[in-house]
Amino acid sequence: SVETPAGRFDALRVVATGFATNENNNNVSGHERVIWLAPAAKREVRHEIRTRLRNGQLFRVEGRELMEFSPGKS
């Protein structure tokens, strides 16, 4: 389950990892994208993207989450 401002949802957690190269300076960074899909909400309820530098240091975290939900509405 995952907690959001809209409430707690049973969710499928999907994780995708990969790398990106900055063409301007050839820096390579690692990316991890985590998405929580909740059948009760019929949508993604949370989404995070984490970017790490080559040395493993966390560089940036960004994301979004469901703020409000009314059961029965789509």
PDB file of N, CA and C in Angstrom:
ATOM      1  N   SER A   1       0.841  -1.185   0.000  1.00  0.00           N
ATOM      2  CA  SER A   1       0.000   0.000   0.000  1.00  0.00           C
ATOM      3  C   SER A   1       0.887   1.249   0.000  1.00  0.00           C
ATOM      4  N   VAL A   2       0.302   2.352  -0.427  1.00  0.00           N
ATOM      5  CA  VAL A   2       1.014   3.627  -0.485  1.00  0.00           C
ATOM      6  C   VAL A   2       0.119   4.713   0.098  1.00  0.00           C
ATOM      7  N   GLU A   3       0.730   5.626   0.843  1.00  0.00           N
ATOM      8  CA  GLU A   3       0.000   6.735   1.459  1.00  0.00           C
ATOM      9  C   GLU A   3       0.185   7.982   0.608  1.00  0.00           C
ATOM     10  N   THR A   4      -0.918   8.666   0.309  1.00  0.00           N
ATOM     11  CA  THR A   4      -0.891   9.929  -0.433  1.00  0.00           C
ATOM     12  C   THR A   4      -1.789  10.919   0.304  1.00  0.00           C
ATOM     13  N   PRO A   5      -1.759  12.195  -0.048  1.00  0.00           N
ATOM     14  CA  PRO A   5      -2.694  13.148   0.553  1.00  0.00           C
ATOM     15  C   PRO A   5      -4.158  12.758   0.310  1.00  0.00           C
ATOM     16  N   ALA A   6      -4.427  11.958  -0.740  1.00  0.00           N
ATOM     17  CA  ALA A   6      -5.789  11.526  -1.050  1.00  0.00           C
ATOM     18  C   ALA A   6      -6.199  10.287  -0.267  1.00  0.00           C
ATOM     19  N   GLY A   7      -5.269   9.688   0.489  1.00  0.00           N
ATOM     20  CA  GLY A   7      -5.573   8.497   1.269  1.00  0.00           C
ATOM     21  C   GLY A   7      -4.587   7.374   1.021  1.00  0.00           C
ATOM     22  N   ARG A   8      -4.853   6.230   1.629  1.00  0.00           N
ATOM     23  CA  ARG A   8      -4.010   5.036   1.486  1.00  0.00           C
ATOM     24  C   ARG A   8      -4.631   4.131   0.420  1.00  0.00           C
ATOM     25  N   PHE A   9      -3.786   3.629  -0.482  1.00  0.00           N
ATOM     26  CA  PHE A   9      -4.253   2.781  -1.581  1.00  0.00           C
ATOM     27  C   PHE A   9      -3.422   1.506  -1.654  1.00  0.00           C
ATOM     28  N   ASP A  10      -4.085   0.379  -1.913  1.00  0.00           N
ATOM     29  CA  ASP A  10      -3.374  -0.832  -2.307  1.00  0.00           C
ATOM     30  C   ASP A  10      -2.942  -0.589  -3.740  1.00  0.00           C
ATOM     31  N   ALA A  11      -1.656  -0.816  -4.023  1.00  0.00           N
ATOM     32  CA  ALA A  11      -1.147  -0.423  -5.335  1.00  0.00           C
ATOM     33  C   ALA A  11      -0.109  -1.405  -5.847  1.00  0.00           C
ATOM     34  N   LEU A  12      -0.005  -1.441  -7.146  1.00  0.00           N
ATOM     35  CA  LEU A  12       1.063  -2.160  -7.833  1.00  0.00           C
ATOM     36  C   LEU A  12       2.220  -1.177  -7.975  1.00  0.00           C
ATOM     37  N   ARG A  13       3.400  -1.553  -7.498  1.00  0.00           N
ATOM     38  CA  ARG A  13       4.581  -0.683  -7.570  1.00  0.00           C
ATOM     39  C   ARG A  13       5.443  -1.138  -8.743  1.00  0.00           C
ATOM     40  N   VAL A  14       5.635  -0.247  -9.711  1.00  0.00           N
ATOM     41  CA  VAL A  14       6.422  -0.543 -10.906  1.00  0.00           C
ATOM     42  C   VAL A  14       7.718   0.270 -10.845  1.00  0.00           C
ATOM     43  N   VAL A  15       8.862  -0.405 -11.012  1.00  0.00           N
ATOM     44  CA  VAL A  15      10.164   0.264 -10.951  1.00  0.00           C
ATOM     45  C   VAL A  15      10.891   0.062 -12.267  1.00  0.00           C
ATOM     46  N   ALA A  16      11.395   1.159 -12.823  1.00  0.00           N
ATOM     47  CA  ALA A  16      12.198   1.098 -14.048  1.00  0.00           C
ATOM     48  C   ALA A  16      13.514   1.833 -13.779  1.00  0.00           C
ATOM     49  N   THR A  17      14.619   1.233 -14.170  1.00  0.00           N
ATOM     50  CA  THR A  17      15.926   1.857 -13.972  1.00  0.00           C
ATOM     51  C   THR A  17      16.652   1.973 -15.297  1.00  0.00           C
ATOM     52  N   GLY A  18      17.544   2.956 -15.370  1.00  0.00           N
ATOM     53  CA  GLY A  18      18.312   3.148 -16.589  1.00  0.00           C
ATOM     54  C   GLY A  18      19.344   4.242 -16.414  1.00  0.00           C
ATOM     55  N   PHE A  19      19.958   4.639 -17.517  1.00  0.00           N
ATOM     56  CA  PHE A  19      21.001   5.654 -17.504  1.00  0.00           C
ATOM     57  C   PHE A  19      20.730   6.682 -18.589  1.00  0.00           C
ATOM     58  N   ALA A  20      21.265   7.878 -18.388  1.00  0.00           N
ATOM     59  CA  ALA A  20      21.161   8.939 -19.390  1.00  0.00           C
ATOM     60  C   ALA A  20      22.520   9.616 -19.508  1.00  0.00           C
ATOM     61  N   THR A  21      22.867  10.030 -20.717  1.00  0.00           N
ATOM     62  CA  THR A  21      24.109  10.749 -20.961  1.00  0.00           C
ATOM     63  C   THR A  21      23.780  12.164 -21.403  1.00  0.00           C
ATOM     64  N   ASN A  22      24.383  13.133 -20.718  1.00  0.00           N
ATOM     65  CA  ASN A  22      24.236  14.539 -21.091  1.00  0.00           C
ATOM     66  C   ASN A  22      25.141  14.777 -22.299  1.00  0.00           C
ATOM     67  N   GLU A  23      24.581  15.107 -23.446  1.00  0.00           N
ATOM     68  CA  GLU A  23      25.364  15.274 -24.672  1.00  0.00           C
ATOM     69  C   GLU A  23      26.280  16.491 -24.632  1.00  0.00           C
ATOM     70  N   ASN A  24      25.993  17.465 -23.750  1.00  0.00           N
ATOM     71  CA  ASN A  24      26.838  18.656 -23.659  1.00  0.00           C
ATOM     72  C   ASN A  24      28.150  18.394 -22.941  1.00  0.00           C
ATOM     73  N   ASN A  25      28.129  17.553 -21.892  1.00  0.00           N
ATOM     74  CA  ASN A  25      29.352  17.324 -21.123  1.00  0.00           C
ATOM     75  C   ASN A  25      29.684  15.847 -20.914  1.00  0.00           C
ATOM     76  N   ASN A  26      28.950  14.955 -21.549  1.00  0.00           N
ATOM     77  CA  ASN A  26      29.156  13.508 -21.472  1.00  0.00           C
ATOM     78  C   ASN A  26      29.030  12.932 -20.065  1.00  0.00           C
ATOM     79  N   ASN A  27      28.385  13.656 -19.151  1.00  0.00           N
ATOM     80  CA  ASN A  27      28.127  13.104 -17.822  1.00  0.00           C
ATOM     81  C   ASN A  27      27.045  12.046 -17.923  1.00  0.00           C
ATOM     82  N   VAL A  28      27.252  10.953 -17.205  1.00  0.00           N
ATOM     83  CA  VAL A  28      26.278   9.863 -17.176  1.00  0.00           C
ATOM     84  C   VAL A  28      25.597   9.885 -15.813  1.00  0.00           C
ATOM     85  N   SER A  29      24.294   9.792 -15.815  1.00  0.00           N
ATOM     86  CA  SER A  29      23.548   9.731 -14.560  1.00  0.00           C
ATOM     87  C   SER A  29      22.607   8.536 -14.598  1.00  0.00           C
ATOM     88  N   GLY A  30      22.331   8.002 -13.420  1.00  0.00           N
ATOM     89  CA  GLY A  30      21.393   6.896 -13.304  1.00  0.00           C
ATOM     90  C   GLY A  30      20.015   7.428 -12.988  1.00  0.00           C
ATOM     91  N   HIS A  31      19.002   6.778 -13.512  1.00  0.00           N
ATOM     92  CA  HIS A  31      17.620   7.184 -13.276  1.00  0.00           C
ATOM     93  C   HIS A  31      16.830   6.002 -12.744  1.00  0.00           C
ATOM     94  N   GLU A  32      15.968   6.289 -11.792  1.00  0.00           N
ATOM     95  CA  GLU A  32      15.036   5.292 -11.293  1.00  0.00           C
ATOM     96  C   GLU A  32      13.664   5.939 -11.279  1.00  0.00           C
ATOM     97  N   ARG A  33      12.702   5.304 -11.893  1.00  0.00           N
ATOM     98  CA  ARG A  33      11.326   5.798 -11.936  1.00  0.00           C
ATOM     99  C   ARG A  33      10.464   4.769 -11.209  1.00  0.00           C
ATOM    100  N   VAL A  34       9.683   5.251 -10.238  1.00  0.00           N
ATOM    101  CA  VAL A  34       8.800   4.378  -9.473  1.00  0.00           C
ATOM    102  C   VAL A  34       7.378   4.911  -9.620  1.00  0.00           C
ATOM    103  N   ILE A  35       6.479   4.035 -10.042  1.00  0.00           N
ATOM    104  CA  ILE A  35       5.083   4.407 -10.253  1.00  0.00           C
ATOM    105  C   ILE A  35       4.213   3.459  -9.439  1.00  0.00           C
ATOM    106  N   TRP A  36       3.271   4.024  -8.683  1.00  0.00           N
ATOM    107  CA  TRP A  36       2.304   3.240  -7.926  1.00  0.00           C
ATOM    108  C   TRP A  36       0.961   3.334  -8.644  1.00  0.00           C
ATOM    109  N   LEU A  37       0.440   2.201  -9.094  1.00  0.00           N
ATOM    110  CA  LEU A  37      -0.842   2.131  -9.796  1.00  0.00           C
ATOM    111  C   LEU A  37      -1.874   1.501  -8.872  1.00  0.00           C
ATOM    112  N   ALA A  38      -2.977   2.217  -8.642  1.00  0.00           N
ATOM    113  CA  ALA A  38      -3.997   1.736  -7.712  1.00  0.00           C
ATOM    114  C   ALA A  38      -5.275   1.380  -8.466  1.00  0.00           C
ATOM    115  N   PRO A  39      -5.660   0.108  -8.471  1.00  0.00           N
ATOM    116  CA  PRO A  39      -6.895  -0.288  -9.146  1.00  0.00           C
ATOM    117  C   PRO A  39      -8.130   0.448  -8.609  1.00  0.00           C
ATOM    118  N   ALA A  40      -8.197   0.709  -7.303  1.00  0.00           N
ATOM    119  CA  ALA A  40      -9.371   1.386  -6.739  1.00  0.00           C
ATOM    120  C   ALA A  40      -9.523   2.803  -7.291  1.00  0.00           C
ATOM    121  N   ALA A  41      -8.423   3.448  -7.584  1.00  0.00           N
ATOM    122  CA  ALA A  41      -8.471   4.812  -8.131  1.00  0.00           C
ATOM    123  C   ALA A  41      -8.480   4.808  -9.653  1.00  0.00           C
ATOM    124  N   LYS A  42      -8.206   3.640 -10.253  1.00  0.00           N
ATOM    125  CA  LYS A  42      -8.138   3.489 -11.707  1.00  0.00           C
ATOM    126  C   LYS A  42      -7.094   4.422 -12.325  1.00  0.00           C
ATOM    127  N   ARG A  43      -5.979   4.618 -11.600  1.00  0.00           N
ATOM    128  CA  ARG A  43      -4.927   5.511 -12.105  1.00  0.00           C
ATOM    129  C   ARG A  43      -3.675   5.393 -11.251  1.00  0.00           C
ATOM    130  N   GLU A  44      -2.657   6.078 -11.708  1.00  0.00           N
ATOM    131  CA  GLU A  44      -1.421   6.241 -10.955  1.00  0.00           C
ATOM    132  C   GLU A  44      -1.720   7.167  -9.771  1.00  0.00           C
ATOM    133  N   VAL A  45      -1.280   6.770  -8.573  1.00  0.00           N
ATOM    134  CA  VAL A  45      -1.522   7.614  -7.405  1.00  0.00           C
ATOM    135  C   VAL A  45      -0.240   8.265  -6.882  1.00  0.00           C
ATOM    136  N   ARG A  46       0.896   7.758  -7.325  1.00  0.00           N
ATOM    137  CA  ARG A  46       2.183   8.363  -6.956  1.00  0.00           C
ATOM    138  C   ARG A  46       3.205   8.035  -8.035  1.00  0.00           C
ATOM    139  N   HIS A  47       4.137   8.971  -8.228  1.00  0.00           N
ATOM    140  CA  HIS A  47       5.148   8.824  -9.286  1.00  0.00           C
ATOM    141  C   HIS A  47       6.408   9.543  -8.807  1.00  0.00           C
ATOM    142  N   GLU A  48       7.540   8.866  -8.767  1.00  0.00           N
ATOM    143  CA  GLU A  48       8.806   9.475  -8.355  1.00  0.00           C
ATOM    144  C   GLU A  48       9.884   9.189  -9.390  1.00  0.00           C
ATOM    145  N   ILE A  49      10.738  10.170  -9.607  1.00  0.00           N
ATOM    146  CA  ILE A  49      11.912   9.989 -10.457  1.00  0.00           C
ATOM    147  C   ILE A  49      13.125  10.398  -9.632  1.00  0.00           C
ATOM    148  N   ARG A  50      14.089   9.498  -9.504  1.00  0.00           N
ATOM    149  CA  ARG A  50      15.324   9.783  -8.761  1.00  0.00           C
ATOM    150  C   ARG A  50      16.490   9.757  -9.734  1.00  0.00           C
ATOM    151  N   THR A  51      17.317  10.786  -9.670  1.00  0.00           N
ATOM    152  CA  THR A  51      18.495  10.871 -10.519  1.00  0.00           C
ATOM    153  C   THR A  51      19.737  10.811  -9.636  1.00  0.00           C
ATOM    154  N   ARG A  52      20.667   9.929  -9.990  1.00  0.00           N
ATOM    155  CA  ARG A  52      21.916   9.774  -9.231  1.00  0.00           C
ATOM    156  C   ARG A  52      23.109  10.074 -10.132  1.00  0.00           C
ATOM    157  N   LEU A  53      24.109  10.708  -9.540  1.00  0.00           N
ATOM    158  CA  LEU A  53      25.354  10.973 -10.261  1.00  0.00           C
ATOM    159  C   LEU A  53      26.143   9.680 -10.413  1.00  0.00           C
ATOM    160  N   ARG A  54      27.198   9.722 -11.191  1.00  0.00           N
ATOM    161  CA  ARG A  54      28.003   8.528 -11.460  1.00  0.00           C
ATOM    162  C   ARG A  54      28.541   7.911 -10.169  1.00  0.00           C
ATOM    163  N   ASN A  55      28.844   8.742  -9.162  1.00  0.00           N
ATOM    164  CA  ASN A  55      29.380   8.236  -7.893  1.00  0.00           C
ATOM    165  C   ASN A  55      28.290   7.688  -6.965  1.00  0.00           C
ATOM    166  N   GLY A  56      27.029   7.700  -7.412  1.00  0.00           N
ATOM    167  CA  GLY A  56      25.930   7.169  -6.632  1.00  0.00           C
ATOM    168  C   GLY A  56      25.213   8.198  -5.779  1.00  0.00           C
ATOM    169  N   GLN A  57      25.754   9.410  -5.721  1.00  0.00           N
ATOM    170  CA  GLN A  57      25.127  10.474  -4.920  1.00  0.00           C
ATOM    171  C   GLN A  57      23.789  10.870  -5.531  1.00  0.00           C
ATOM    172  N   LEU A  58      22.770  10.982  -4.666  1.00  0.00           N
ATOM    173  CA  LEU A  58      21.452  11.403  -5.115  1.00  0.00           C
ATOM    174  C   LEU A  58      21.515  12.864  -5.542  1.00  0.00           C
ATOM    175  N   PHE A  59      21.116  13.140  -6.774  1.00  0.00           N
ATOM    176  CA  PHE A  59      21.226  14.475  -7.353  1.00  0.00           C
ATOM    177  C   PHE A  59      19.892  15.209  -7.340  1.00  0.00           C
ATOM    178  N   ARG A  60      18.820  14.487  -7.677  1.00  0.00           N
ATOM    179  CA  ARG A  60      17.509  15.131  -7.772  1.00  0.00           C
ATOM    180  C   ARG A  60      16.408  14.091  -7.564  1.00  0.00           C
ATOM    181  N   VAL A  61      15.351  14.522  -6.880  1.00  0.00           N
ATOM    182  CA  VAL A  61      14.150  13.707  -6.728  1.00  0.00           C
ATOM    183  C   VAL A  61      12.971  14.576  -7.125  1.00  0.00           C
ATOM    184  N   GLU A  62      12.159  14.068  -7.995  1.00  0.00           N
ATOM    185  CA  GLU A  62      10.964  14.804  -8.393  1.00  0.00           C
ATOM    186  C   GLU A  62       9.803  13.821  -8.480  1.00  0.00           C
ATOM    187  N   GLY A  63       8.607  14.336  -8.394  1.00  0.00           N
ATOM    188  CA  GLY A  63       7.469  13.438  -8.479  1.00  0.00           C
ATOM    189  C   GLY A  63       6.149  14.159  -8.316  1.00  0.00           C
ATOM    190  N   ARG A  64       5.135  13.332  -8.222  1.00  0.00           N
ATOM    191  CA  ARG A  64       3.783  13.846  -8.035  1.00  0.00           C
ATOM    192  C   ARG A  64       2.971  12.759  -7.351  1.00  0.00           C
ATOM    193  N   GLU A  65       1.855  13.188  -6.729  1.00  0.00           N
ATOM    194  CA  GLU A  65       0.979  12.226  -6.088  1.00  0.00           C
ATOM    195  C   GLU A  65      -0.452  12.740  -6.100  1.00  0.00           C
ATOM    196  N   LEU A  66      -1.379  11.809  -5.975  1.00  0.00           N
ATOM    197  CA  LEU A  66      -2.794  12.129  -5.983  1.00  0.00           C
ATOM    198  C   LEU A  66      -3.142  12.933  -4.736  1.00  0.00           C
ATOM    199  N   MET A  67      -3.796  14.061  -4.923  1.00  0.00           N
ATOM    200  CA  MET A  67      -4.118  14.962  -3.807  1.00  0.00           C
ATOM    201  C   MET A  67      -5.540  14.774  -3.293  1.00  0.00           C
ATOM    202  N   GLU A  68      -6.450  14.313  -4.160  1.00  0.00           N
ATOM    203  CA  GLU A  68      -7.853  14.188  -3.772  1.00  0.00           C
ATOM    204  C   GLU A  68      -8.470  13.039  -4.555  1.00  0.00           C
ATOM    205  N   PHE A  69      -9.377  12.302  -3.906  1.00  0.00           N
ATOM    206  CA  PHE A  69     -10.021  11.179  -4.578  1.00  0.00           C
ATOM    207  C   PHE A  69     -11.409  10.952  -4.003  1.00  0.00           C
ATOM    208  N   SER A  70     -12.381  10.757  -4.857  1.00  0.00           N
ATOM    209  CA  SER A  70     -13.754  10.433  -4.456  1.00  0.00           C
ATOM    210  C   SER A  70     -14.112   9.072  -5.052  1.00  0.00           C
ATOM    211  N   PRO A  71     -14.259   8.036  -4.223  1.00  0.00           N
ATOM    212  CA  PRO A  71     -14.609   6.698  -4.750  1.00  0.00           C
ATOM    213  C   PRO A  71     -15.906   6.772  -5.559  1.00  0.00           C
ATOM    214  N   GLY A  72     -15.956   5.992  -6.607  1.00  0.00           N
ATOM    215  CA  GLY A  72     -17.151   5.933  -7.438  1.00  0.00           C
ATOM    216  C   GLY A  72     -17.123   6.887  -8.612  1.00  0.00           C
ATOM    217  N   LYS A  73     -16.225   7.855  -8.604  1.00  0.00           N
ATOM    218  CA  LYS A  73     -16.088   8.777  -9.734  1.00  0.00           C
ATOM    219  C   LYS A  73     -14.866   8.372 -10.533  1.00  0.00           C
ATOM    220  N   SER A  74     -14.925   8.516 -11.868  1.00  0.00           N
ATOM    221  CA  SER A  74     -13.755   8.203 -12.686  1.00  0.00           C
ATOM    222  C   SER A  74     -13.209   9.427 -13.346  1.00  0.00           C
TER     223      SER A  74
END
